[in-house]
Amino acid sequence: MAESIDPRALFTVSYGVYILSTEWEEKKNGQIINAFMQLTGDPICVAACLHKDNYTTELLEKSRRFSLSVLEDATPLKFIGVFGFRCGRDFDKFNACSYTISESGLPVVTDYALASIEGEVLSVTDIFTHKLFIAQVRAATVLKEGKPLLYSDYHTIKKGKSPERAPSAVFNVIK
């Protein structure tokens, strides 16, 4: 990282904590992400960024559709770890949680989830180590009321760390 970049400045940008899930040829997987945002209002389009080497990225490039579960602030670290620090190539993350299958056939994690959003991928852009997925929202549902888990709270209150391949791994050095 360049000396002129202070990661504390980036830490002031607000992020949420989400589980992005997809399914391709009966293989489902999901992962924790924090790089997600709404881009437009009509039609509603969003962006999600995932590391190129992740299994979820591989499946998402094939399926071109995803569900996103917005996690609540009460989500325990152990649960986040299932989707954030385990690889779905050799571990079925969905055996460790409650989920539903949406009308469009996508797995939607319901444990600790405030809402779910489904997107259909419009474009994929390579960004060095990651891929940026631009998608049109096809469905959105509120599952329960509550306060969303912010990424800063994950770090400062829950004392969570970022996987080394996460875009926010630079925050691990902030005490």
N, C-alpha and C. Protein backbone atom coordinates (compact mmCIF):
# COMPACT_ATOMS: atom_id res chain seq x y z
N MET A 1 0.85 -1.17 0.00
CA MET A 1 0.00 0.00 0.00
C MET A 1 0.90 1.24 0.00
N ALA A 2 0.50 2.23 -0.76
CA ALA A 2 1.28 3.46 -0.87
C ALA A 2 1.33 4.18 0.47
N GLU A 3 2.48 4.81 0.76
CA GLU A 3 2.65 5.55 2.01
C GLU A 3 1.64 6.68 2.14
N SER A 4 1.18 7.21 1.02
CA SER A 4 0.25 8.34 1.06
C SER A 4 -1.19 7.92 1.37
N ILE A 5 -1.43 6.61 1.59
CA ILE A 5 -2.78 6.13 1.89
C ILE A 5 -2.85 5.72 3.35
N ASP A 6 -3.66 6.42 4.11
CA ASP A 6 -3.92 6.10 5.51
C ASP A 6 -5.21 5.29 5.56
N PRO A 7 -5.14 3.99 5.91
CA PRO A 7 -6.36 3.16 5.90
C PRO A 7 -7.44 3.67 6.84
N ARG A 8 -7.09 4.48 7.82
CA ARG A 8 -8.10 5.04 8.72
C ARG A 8 -9.06 5.95 7.97
N ALA A 9 -8.58 6.62 6.93
CA ALA A 9 -9.45 7.47 6.12
C ALA A 9 -10.51 6.63 5.41
N LEU A 10 -10.12 5.48 4.89
CA LEU A 10 -11.07 4.59 4.21
C LEU A 10 -12.07 3.99 5.20
N PHE A 11 -11.62 3.80 6.45
CA PHE A 11 -12.48 3.21 7.47
C PHE A 11 -13.65 4.14 7.82
N THR A 12 -13.56 5.42 7.48
CA THR A 12 -14.66 6.34 7.77
C THR A 12 -15.81 6.19 6.78
N VAL A 13 -15.60 5.47 5.68
CA VAL A 13 -16.66 5.21 4.71
C VAL A 13 -17.59 4.14 5.28
N SER A 14 -18.90 4.36 5.21
CA SER A 14 -19.87 3.41 5.78
C SER A 14 -20.05 2.19 4.88
N TYR A 15 -20.09 1.04 5.51
CA TYR A 15 -20.34 -0.23 4.83
C TYR A 15 -21.32 -1.03 5.69
N GLY A 16 -22.05 -1.92 5.07
CA GLY A 16 -22.84 -2.88 5.82
C GLY A 16 -22.15 -4.22 5.76
N VAL A 17 -22.75 -5.23 6.38
CA VAL A 17 -22.25 -6.60 6.31
C VAL A 17 -23.39 -7.46 5.77
N TYR A 18 -23.09 -8.19 4.71
CA TYR A 18 -24.11 -8.93 3.97
C TYR A 18 -23.61 -10.34 3.65
N ILE A 19 -24.57 -11.21 3.34
CA ILE A 19 -24.24 -12.51 2.76
C ILE A 19 -24.77 -12.50 1.34
N LEU A 20 -23.87 -12.64 0.37
CA LEU A 20 -24.26 -12.76 -1.03
C LEU A 20 -24.23 -14.24 -1.38
N SER A 21 -25.36 -14.75 -1.89
CA SER A 21 -25.49 -16.17 -2.23
C SER A 21 -25.90 -16.33 -3.68
N THR A 22 -25.54 -17.47 -4.23
CA THR A 22 -25.94 -17.79 -5.59
C THR A 22 -26.07 -19.31 -5.72
N GLU A 23 -26.55 -19.74 -6.88
CA GLU A 23 -26.71 -21.17 -7.16
C GLU A 23 -26.46 -21.39 -8.64
N TRP A 24 -25.70 -22.45 -8.95
CA TRP A 24 -25.44 -22.83 -10.33
C TRP A 24 -25.39 -24.34 -10.40
N GLU A 25 -26.24 -24.93 -11.24
CA GLU A 25 -26.29 -26.38 -11.44
C GLU A 25 -26.33 -27.13 -10.11
N GLU A 26 -27.27 -26.73 -9.25
CA GLU A 26 -27.52 -27.34 -7.95
C GLU A 26 -26.39 -27.15 -6.94
N LYS A 27 -25.41 -26.32 -7.25
CA LYS A 27 -24.36 -25.98 -6.29
C LYS A 27 -24.68 -24.58 -5.78
N LYS A 28 -24.83 -24.47 -4.46
CA LYS A 28 -25.09 -23.16 -3.89
C LYS A 28 -23.94 -22.77 -2.98
N ASN A 29 -23.69 -21.48 -2.91
CA ASN A 29 -22.65 -20.97 -2.04
C ASN A 29 -22.96 -19.52 -1.71
N GLY A 30 -22.38 -19.07 -0.64
CA GLY A 30 -22.55 -17.69 -0.22
C GLY A 30 -21.32 -17.24 0.53
N GLN A 31 -21.15 -15.93 0.62
CA GLN A 31 -20.01 -15.38 1.34
C GLN A 31 -20.36 -14.03 1.93
N ILE A 32 -19.62 -13.65 2.95
CA ILE A 32 -19.76 -12.33 3.54
C ILE A 32 -19.17 -11.32 2.57
N ILE A 33 -19.90 -10.22 2.36
CA ILE A 33 -19.34 -9.09 1.61
C ILE A 33 -19.70 -7.81 2.36
N ASN A 34 -18.91 -6.78 2.13
CA ASN A 34 -19.27 -5.45 2.63
C ASN A 34 -19.29 -4.45 1.49
N ALA A 35 -18.75 -4.82 0.34
CA ALA A 35 -18.70 -3.92 -0.81
C ALA A 35 -19.97 -4.09 -1.65
N PHE A 36 -21.04 -3.39 -1.24
CA PHE A 36 -22.34 -3.46 -1.90
C PHE A 36 -22.98 -2.09 -1.82
N MET A 37 -23.59 -1.65 -2.91
CA MET A 37 -24.26 -0.36 -2.88
C MET A 37 -25.32 -0.26 -3.97
N GLN A 38 -26.32 0.61 -3.72
CA GLN A 38 -27.32 0.91 -4.73
C GLN A 38 -26.75 1.97 -5.65
N LEU A 39 -26.95 1.79 -6.96
CA LEU A 39 -26.43 2.71 -7.96
C LEU A 39 -27.50 3.62 -8.57
N THR A 40 -28.66 3.05 -8.88
CA THR A 40 -29.72 3.81 -9.54
C THR A 40 -31.07 3.51 -8.89
N GLY A 41 -32.07 4.35 -9.21
CA GLY A 41 -33.39 4.18 -8.61
C GLY A 41 -34.46 3.68 -9.56
N ASP A 42 -34.30 3.89 -10.87
CA ASP A 42 -35.33 3.45 -11.81
C ASP A 42 -34.71 3.16 -13.17
N PRO A 43 -34.39 1.91 -13.47
CA PRO A 43 -34.60 0.75 -12.62
C PRO A 43 -33.58 0.72 -11.48
N ILE A 44 -33.90 -0.04 -10.44
CA ILE A 44 -33.00 -0.14 -9.30
C ILE A 44 -31.84 -1.07 -9.67
N CYS A 45 -30.64 -0.52 -9.64
CA CYS A 45 -29.43 -1.29 -9.93
C CYS A 45 -28.47 -1.17 -8.75
N VAL A 46 -27.70 -2.22 -8.53
CA VAL A 46 -26.77 -2.31 -7.41
C VAL A 46 -25.41 -2.79 -7.91
N ALA A 47 -24.41 -2.67 -7.05
CA ALA A 47 -23.07 -3.17 -7.34
C ALA A 47 -22.59 -4.00 -6.17
N ALA A 48 -21.92 -5.10 -6.47
CA ALA A 48 -21.30 -5.95 -5.46
C ALA A 48 -19.90 -6.32 -5.96
N CYS A 49 -18.94 -6.34 -5.03
CA CYS A 49 -17.56 -6.63 -5.40
C CYS A 49 -17.09 -7.87 -4.64
N LEU A 50 -16.54 -8.84 -5.37
CA LEU A 50 -16.07 -10.10 -4.79
C LEU A 50 -14.68 -10.43 -5.30
N HIS A 51 -13.88 -11.10 -4.48
CA HIS A 51 -12.53 -11.51 -4.88
C HIS A 51 -12.61 -12.53 -6.01
N LYS A 52 -11.71 -12.42 -6.98
CA LYS A 52 -11.71 -13.29 -8.15
C LYS A 52 -11.58 -14.77 -7.81
N ASP A 53 -10.85 -15.10 -6.74
CA ASP A 53 -10.57 -16.49 -6.41
C ASP A 53 -11.66 -17.18 -5.60
N ASN A 54 -12.68 -16.45 -5.18
CA ASN A 54 -13.70 -17.04 -4.32
C ASN A 54 -14.66 -17.94 -5.11
N TYR A 55 -15.09 -19.00 -4.47
CA TYR A 55 -16.02 -19.94 -5.08
C TYR A 55 -17.34 -19.26 -5.43
N THR A 56 -17.81 -18.36 -4.58
CA THR A 56 -19.05 -17.64 -4.87
C THR A 56 -18.91 -16.85 -6.17
N THR A 57 -17.76 -16.24 -6.38
CA THR A 57 -17.51 -15.48 -7.61
C THR A 57 -17.62 -16.39 -8.83
N GLU A 58 -17.01 -17.56 -8.73
CA GLU A 58 -17.06 -18.54 -9.83
C GLU A 58 -18.50 -18.91 -10.16
N LEU A 59 -19.29 -19.21 -9.15
CA LEU A 59 -20.68 -19.59 -9.38
C LEU A 59 -21.51 -18.41 -9.89
N LEU A 60 -21.25 -17.21 -9.35
CA LEU A 60 -22.00 -16.03 -9.76
C LEU A 60 -21.74 -15.67 -11.22
N GLU A 61 -20.52 -15.84 -11.67
CA GLU A 61 -20.23 -15.56 -13.09
C GLU A 61 -21.01 -16.49 -14.00
N LYS A 62 -21.27 -17.70 -13.55
CA LYS A 62 -22.03 -18.66 -14.35
C LYS A 62 -23.54 -18.42 -14.23
N SER A 63 -24.02 -18.21 -13.01
CA SER A 63 -25.46 -18.07 -12.79
C SER A 63 -25.99 -16.70 -13.17
N ARG A 64 -25.17 -15.67 -12.97
CA ARG A 64 -25.50 -14.27 -13.25
C ARG A 64 -26.71 -13.79 -12.47
N ARG A 65 -26.89 -14.34 -11.26
CA ARG A 65 -27.95 -13.89 -10.36
C ARG A 65 -27.56 -14.22 -8.93
N PHE A 66 -28.07 -13.41 -8.00
CA PHE A 66 -27.69 -13.60 -6.60
C PHE A 66 -28.80 -13.13 -5.67
N SER A 67 -28.70 -13.59 -4.43
CA SER A 67 -29.50 -13.04 -3.35
C SER A 67 -28.53 -12.38 -2.37
N LEU A 68 -29.01 -11.36 -1.69
CA LEU A 68 -28.21 -10.68 -0.69
C LEU A 68 -29.02 -10.64 0.59
N SER A 69 -28.45 -11.12 1.68
CA SER A 69 -29.09 -11.05 2.99
C SER A 69 -28.41 -9.94 3.79
N VAL A 70 -29.20 -8.96 4.23
CA VAL A 70 -28.69 -7.84 5.03
C VAL A 70 -28.67 -8.30 6.49
N LEU A 71 -27.48 -8.37 7.08
CA LEU A 71 -27.35 -8.90 8.44
C LEU A 71 -27.65 -7.84 9.49
N GLU A 72 -28.22 -8.29 10.62
CA GLU A 72 -28.54 -7.41 11.73
C GLU A 72 -27.35 -7.26 12.67
N ASP A 73 -27.38 -6.22 13.49
CA ASP A 73 -26.24 -5.95 14.37
C ASP A 73 -26.04 -7.02 15.44
N ALA A 74 -27.04 -7.85 15.70
CA ALA A 74 -26.92 -8.92 16.69
C ALA A 74 -26.28 -10.20 16.12
N THR A 75 -25.86 -10.18 14.88
CA THR A 75 -25.26 -11.37 14.26
C THR A 75 -23.98 -11.75 14.99
N PRO A 76 -23.90 -12.99 15.50
CA PRO A 76 -22.68 -13.40 16.22
C PRO A 76 -21.48 -13.62 15.28
N LEU A 77 -20.30 -13.38 15.81
CA LEU A 77 -19.07 -13.59 15.04
C LEU A 77 -18.96 -15.01 14.49
N LYS A 78 -19.36 -15.98 15.29
CA LYS A 78 -19.27 -17.38 14.85
C LYS A 78 -20.08 -17.60 13.57
N PHE A 79 -21.26 -17.00 13.49
CA PHE A 79 -22.09 -17.13 12.28
C PHE A 79 -21.43 -16.44 11.10
N ILE A 80 -20.91 -15.25 11.32
CA ILE A 80 -20.21 -14.53 10.25
C ILE A 80 -19.03 -15.36 9.74
N GLY A 81 -18.35 -16.04 10.66
CA GLY A 81 -17.21 -16.87 10.29
C GLY A 81 -17.54 -17.99 9.33
N VAL A 82 -18.75 -18.55 9.45
CA VAL A 82 -19.17 -19.63 8.54
C VAL A 82 -19.14 -19.15 7.10
N PHE A 83 -19.65 -17.93 6.86
CA PHE A 83 -19.72 -17.41 5.51
C PHE A 83 -18.52 -16.55 5.13
N GLY A 84 -17.70 -16.17 6.12
CA GLY A 84 -16.59 -15.29 5.84
C GLY A 84 -15.22 -15.94 5.85
N PHE A 85 -15.11 -17.09 6.51
CA PHE A 85 -13.78 -17.69 6.66
C PHE A 85 -13.74 -19.17 6.29
N ARG A 86 -14.78 -19.67 5.66
CA ARG A 86 -14.81 -21.07 5.21
C ARG A 86 -15.04 -21.08 3.70
N CYS A 87 -14.38 -22.01 3.02
CA CYS A 87 -14.54 -22.12 1.58
C CYS A 87 -15.66 -23.10 1.25
N GLY A 88 -16.58 -22.67 0.41
CA GLY A 88 -17.70 -23.50 0.02
C GLY A 88 -17.35 -24.63 -0.94
N ARG A 89 -16.12 -24.66 -1.43
CA ARG A 89 -15.72 -25.78 -2.31
C ARG A 89 -15.66 -27.08 -1.53
N ASP A 90 -15.36 -27.00 -0.22
CA ASP A 90 -15.23 -28.22 0.58
C ASP A 90 -16.06 -28.17 1.86
N PHE A 91 -17.00 -27.23 1.96
CA PHE A 91 -17.85 -27.12 3.14
C PHE A 91 -19.20 -26.55 2.71
N ASP A 92 -20.29 -27.23 3.08
CA ASP A 92 -21.64 -26.75 2.73
C ASP A 92 -22.09 -25.76 3.80
N LYS A 93 -21.94 -24.48 3.50
CA LYS A 93 -22.29 -23.42 4.45
C LYS A 93 -23.77 -23.42 4.78
N PHE A 94 -24.59 -23.89 3.86
CA PHE A 94 -26.04 -23.85 4.06
C PHE A 94 -26.52 -24.92 5.04
N ASN A 95 -25.66 -25.89 5.39
CA ASN A 95 -25.99 -26.84 6.44
C ASN A 95 -25.82 -26.21 7.82
N ALA A 96 -25.21 -25.03 7.88
CA ALA A 96 -24.93 -24.36 9.15
C ALA A 96 -25.86 -23.17 9.40
N CYS A 97 -26.95 -23.06 8.62
CA CYS A 97 -27.85 -21.92 8.78
C CYS A 97 -29.26 -22.26 8.33
N SER A 98 -30.17 -21.35 8.62
CA SER A 98 -31.52 -21.44 8.08
C SER A 98 -31.57 -20.61 6.81
N TYR A 99 -32.26 -21.13 5.82
CA TYR A 99 -32.40 -20.41 4.55
C TYR A 99 -33.66 -20.86 3.85
N THR A 100 -34.08 -20.06 2.90
CA THR A 100 -35.21 -20.43 2.04
C THR A 100 -34.71 -20.42 0.61
N ILE A 101 -35.51 -20.98 -0.26
CA ILE A 101 -35.25 -20.89 -1.70
C ILE A 101 -36.30 -19.94 -2.26
N SER A 102 -35.83 -18.89 -2.91
CA SER A 102 -36.74 -17.87 -3.44
C SER A 102 -37.51 -18.42 -4.63
N GLU A 103 -38.50 -17.67 -5.08
CA GLU A 103 -39.29 -18.07 -6.24
C GLU A 103 -38.42 -18.26 -7.47
N SER A 104 -37.32 -17.52 -7.53
CA SER A 104 -36.42 -17.65 -8.68
C SER A 104 -35.37 -18.74 -8.49
N GLY A 105 -35.44 -19.48 -7.37
CA GLY A 105 -34.54 -20.61 -7.16
C GLY A 105 -33.24 -20.29 -6.45
N LEU A 106 -33.12 -19.10 -5.89
CA LEU A 106 -31.89 -18.71 -5.20
C LEU A 106 -31.97 -19.00 -3.71
N PRO A 107 -30.86 -19.43 -3.11
CA PRO A 107 -30.83 -19.58 -1.65
C PRO A 107 -30.79 -18.20 -1.00
N VAL A 108 -31.61 -18.02 0.05
CA VAL A 108 -31.66 -16.76 0.78
C VAL A 108 -31.44 -17.08 2.26
N VAL A 109 -30.30 -16.65 2.81
CA VAL A 109 -30.00 -16.88 4.22
C VAL A 109 -30.97 -16.04 5.04
N THR A 110 -31.66 -16.69 6.00
CA THR A 110 -32.64 -15.99 6.83
C THR A 110 -32.16 -15.78 8.27
N ASP A 111 -31.18 -16.55 8.74
CA ASP A 111 -30.64 -16.33 10.07
C ASP A 111 -30.05 -14.93 10.16
N TYR A 112 -30.45 -14.18 11.16
CA TYR A 112 -29.91 -12.83 11.44
C TYR A 112 -30.11 -11.85 10.28
N ALA A 113 -31.02 -12.14 9.38
CA ALA A 113 -31.22 -11.29 8.20
C ALA A 113 -32.41 -10.35 8.40
N LEU A 114 -32.18 -9.07 8.09
CA LEU A 114 -33.24 -8.06 8.15
C LEU A 114 -34.01 -7.98 6.84
N ALA A 115 -33.32 -8.21 5.73
CA ALA A 115 -33.93 -8.09 4.41
C ALA A 115 -33.19 -8.96 3.42
N SER A 116 -33.84 -9.21 2.30
CA SER A 116 -33.17 -9.91 1.20
C SER A 116 -33.41 -9.13 -0.09
N ILE A 117 -32.41 -9.17 -0.95
CA ILE A 117 -32.45 -8.49 -2.23
C ILE A 117 -31.96 -9.48 -3.27
N GLU A 118 -32.66 -9.58 -4.40
CA GLU A 118 -32.21 -10.45 -5.48
C GLU A 118 -31.82 -9.61 -6.68
N GLY A 119 -30.70 -9.97 -7.30
CA GLY A 119 -30.24 -9.23 -8.45
C GLY A 119 -29.89 -10.12 -9.62
N GLU A 120 -30.09 -9.55 -10.81
CA GLU A 120 -29.69 -10.21 -12.06
C GLU A 120 -28.51 -9.41 -12.63
N VAL A 121 -27.40 -10.09 -12.85
CA VAL A 121 -26.16 -9.43 -13.26
C VAL A 121 -26.29 -8.88 -14.68
N LEU A 122 -25.94 -7.60 -14.81
CA LEU A 122 -25.93 -6.93 -16.11
C LEU A 122 -24.53 -6.88 -16.70
N SER A 123 -23.51 -6.70 -15.83
CA SER A 123 -22.14 -6.64 -16.31
C SER A 123 -21.17 -7.03 -15.21
N VAL A 124 -19.98 -7.47 -15.64
CA VAL A 124 -18.91 -7.84 -14.72
C VAL A 124 -17.65 -7.13 -15.18
N THR A 125 -16.97 -6.48 -14.26
CA THR A 125 -15.74 -5.75 -14.58
C THR A 125 -14.61 -6.24 -13.70
N ASP A 126 -13.48 -6.57 -14.32
CA ASP A 126 -12.27 -6.93 -13.56
C ASP A 126 -11.70 -5.68 -12.92
N ILE A 127 -11.38 -5.77 -11.63
CA ILE A 127 -10.71 -4.68 -10.92
C ILE A 127 -9.57 -5.30 -10.12
N PHE A 128 -8.42 -5.46 -10.77
CA PHE A 128 -7.22 -6.03 -10.17
C PHE A 128 -7.52 -7.40 -9.55
N THR A 129 -7.67 -7.49 -8.24
CA THR A 129 -7.87 -8.76 -7.55
C THR A 129 -9.34 -9.15 -7.43
N HIS A 130 -10.26 -8.24 -7.81
CA HIS A 130 -11.68 -8.44 -7.59
C HIS A 130 -12.48 -8.34 -8.89
N LYS A 131 -13.76 -8.69 -8.79
CA LYS A 131 -14.71 -8.51 -9.89
C LYS A 131 -15.88 -7.71 -9.36
N LEU A 132 -16.26 -6.70 -10.13
CA LEU A 132 -17.39 -5.85 -9.78
C LEU A 132 -18.59 -6.31 -10.59
N PHE A 133 -19.64 -6.69 -9.90
CA PHE A 133 -20.88 -7.14 -10.53
C PHE A 133 -21.92 -6.03 -10.44
N ILE A 134 -22.40 -5.57 -11.58
CA ILE A 134 -23.49 -4.60 -11.64
C ILE A 134 -24.75 -5.41 -11.93
N ALA A 135 -25.80 -5.18 -11.15
CA ALA A 135 -27.01 -6.00 -11.29
C ALA A 135 -28.27 -5.15 -11.16
N GLN A 136 -29.33 -5.63 -11.80
CA GLN A 136 -30.64 -5.02 -11.64
C GLN A 136 -31.39 -5.79 -10.57
N VAL A 137 -32.00 -5.07 -9.64
CA VAL A 137 -32.75 -5.71 -8.57
C VAL A 137 -34.05 -6.28 -9.15
N ARG A 138 -34.30 -7.55 -8.87
CA ARG A 138 -35.50 -8.23 -9.36
C ARG A 138 -36.52 -8.49 -8.25
N ALA A 139 -36.04 -8.49 -6.98
CA ALA A 139 -36.94 -8.69 -5.84
C ALA A 139 -36.26 -8.13 -4.60
N ALA A 140 -37.06 -7.66 -3.65
CA ALA A 140 -36.53 -7.17 -2.37
C ALA A 140 -37.62 -7.36 -1.32
N THR A 141 -37.23 -7.89 -0.17
CA THR A 141 -38.19 -8.22 0.88
C THR A 141 -37.62 -7.85 2.25
N VAL A 142 -38.43 -7.23 3.09
CA VAL A 142 -38.05 -7.01 4.48
C VAL A 142 -38.43 -8.27 5.25
N LEU A 143 -37.47 -8.84 5.97
CA LEU A 143 -37.71 -10.06 6.73
C LEU A 143 -38.08 -9.78 8.18
N LYS A 144 -37.49 -8.71 8.75
CA LYS A 144 -37.83 -8.29 10.11
C LYS A 144 -37.24 -6.91 10.35
N GLU A 145 -37.72 -6.26 11.39
CA GLU A 145 -37.22 -4.93 11.75
C GLU A 145 -35.94 -5.09 12.59
N GLY A 146 -35.08 -4.10 12.52
CA GLY A 146 -33.86 -4.13 13.32
C GLY A 146 -32.83 -3.16 12.77
N LYS A 147 -31.67 -3.19 13.39
CA LYS A 147 -30.57 -2.31 12.98
C LYS A 147 -29.56 -3.15 12.19
N PRO A 148 -29.18 -2.68 11.00
CA PRO A 148 -28.20 -3.45 10.22
C PRO A 148 -26.81 -3.41 10.86
N LEU A 149 -26.07 -4.47 10.65
CA LEU A 149 -24.69 -4.56 11.12
C LEU A 149 -23.81 -3.73 10.21
N LEU A 150 -23.15 -2.74 10.77
CA LEU A 150 -22.20 -1.93 10.01
C LEU A 150 -20.82 -2.55 10.10
N TYR A 151 -20.06 -2.40 9.04
CA TYR A 151 -18.73 -3.00 9.00
C TYR A 151 -17.82 -2.41 10.07
N SER A 152 -17.97 -1.13 10.38
CA SER A 152 -17.16 -0.54 11.45
C SER A 152 -17.50 -1.17 12.79
N ASP A 153 -18.78 -1.50 13.04
CA ASP A 153 -19.16 -2.18 14.29
C ASP A 153 -18.60 -3.59 14.33
N TYR A 154 -18.58 -4.26 13.19
CA TYR A 154 -17.98 -5.60 13.11
C TYR A 154 -16.53 -5.54 13.60
N HIS A 155 -15.81 -4.51 13.21
CA HIS A 155 -14.41 -4.37 13.61
C HIS A 155 -14.25 -3.83 15.03
N THR A 156 -14.95 -2.75 15.38
CA THR A 156 -14.70 -2.09 16.66
C THR A 156 -15.44 -2.72 17.83
N ILE A 157 -16.67 -3.19 17.63
CA ILE A 157 -17.45 -3.77 18.73
C ILE A 157 -17.25 -5.28 18.81
N LYS A 158 -17.36 -5.94 17.67
CA LYS A 158 -17.25 -7.40 17.66
C LYS A 158 -15.80 -7.87 17.57
N LYS A 159 -14.89 -6.95 17.26
CA LYS A 159 -13.45 -7.25 17.12
C LYS A 159 -13.19 -8.25 16.01
N GLY A 160 -14.02 -8.21 14.97
CA GLY A 160 -13.84 -9.09 13.83
C GLY A 160 -12.72 -8.63 12.92
N LYS A 161 -12.19 -9.55 12.16
CA LYS A 161 -11.14 -9.27 11.17
C LYS A 161 -11.68 -9.55 9.78
N SER A 162 -10.96 -9.05 8.79
CA SER A 162 -11.33 -9.31 7.39
C SER A 162 -10.45 -10.43 6.84
N PRO A 163 -11.02 -11.31 6.02
CA PRO A 163 -10.17 -12.29 5.34
C PRO A 163 -9.14 -11.54 4.49
N GLU A 164 -7.98 -12.13 4.30
CA GLU A 164 -6.91 -11.43 3.58
C GLU A 164 -7.28 -11.05 2.16
N ARG A 165 -8.26 -11.74 1.56
CA ARG A 165 -8.66 -11.41 0.18
C ARG A 165 -9.80 -10.41 0.11
N ALA A 166 -10.33 -9.97 1.26
CA ALA A 166 -11.42 -8.99 1.26
C ALA A 166 -10.90 -7.62 0.87
N PRO A 167 -11.71 -6.81 0.17
CA PRO A 167 -11.25 -5.47 -0.18
C PRO A 167 -10.92 -4.64 1.06
N SER A 168 -11.54 -4.96 2.18
CA SER A 168 -11.34 -4.21 3.41
C SER A 168 -10.28 -4.82 4.33
N ALA A 169 -9.50 -5.77 3.86
CA ALA A 169 -8.46 -6.38 4.70
C ALA A 169 -7.47 -5.34 5.21
N VAL A 170 -7.36 -4.22 4.51
CA VAL A 170 -6.48 -3.13 4.94
C VAL A 170 -6.91 -2.62 6.32
N PHE A 171 -8.17 -2.78 6.69
CA PHE A 171 -8.65 -2.32 8.00
C PHE A 171 -8.10 -3.15 9.15
N ASN A 172 -7.60 -4.36 8.86
CA ASN A 172 -7.08 -5.22 9.94
C ASN A 172 -5.93 -4.55 10.70
N VAL A 173 -5.24 -3.60 10.08
CA VAL A 173 -4.12 -2.95 10.75
C VAL A 173 -4.56 -1.83 11.67
N ILE A 174 -5.83 -1.43 11.58
CA ILE A 174 -6.35 -0.36 12.44
C ILE A 174 -6.71 -0.93 13.79
N LYS A 175 -6.20 -0.35 14.82
CA LYS A 175 -6.47 -0.85 16.18
C LYS A 175 -7.56 -0.01 16.82
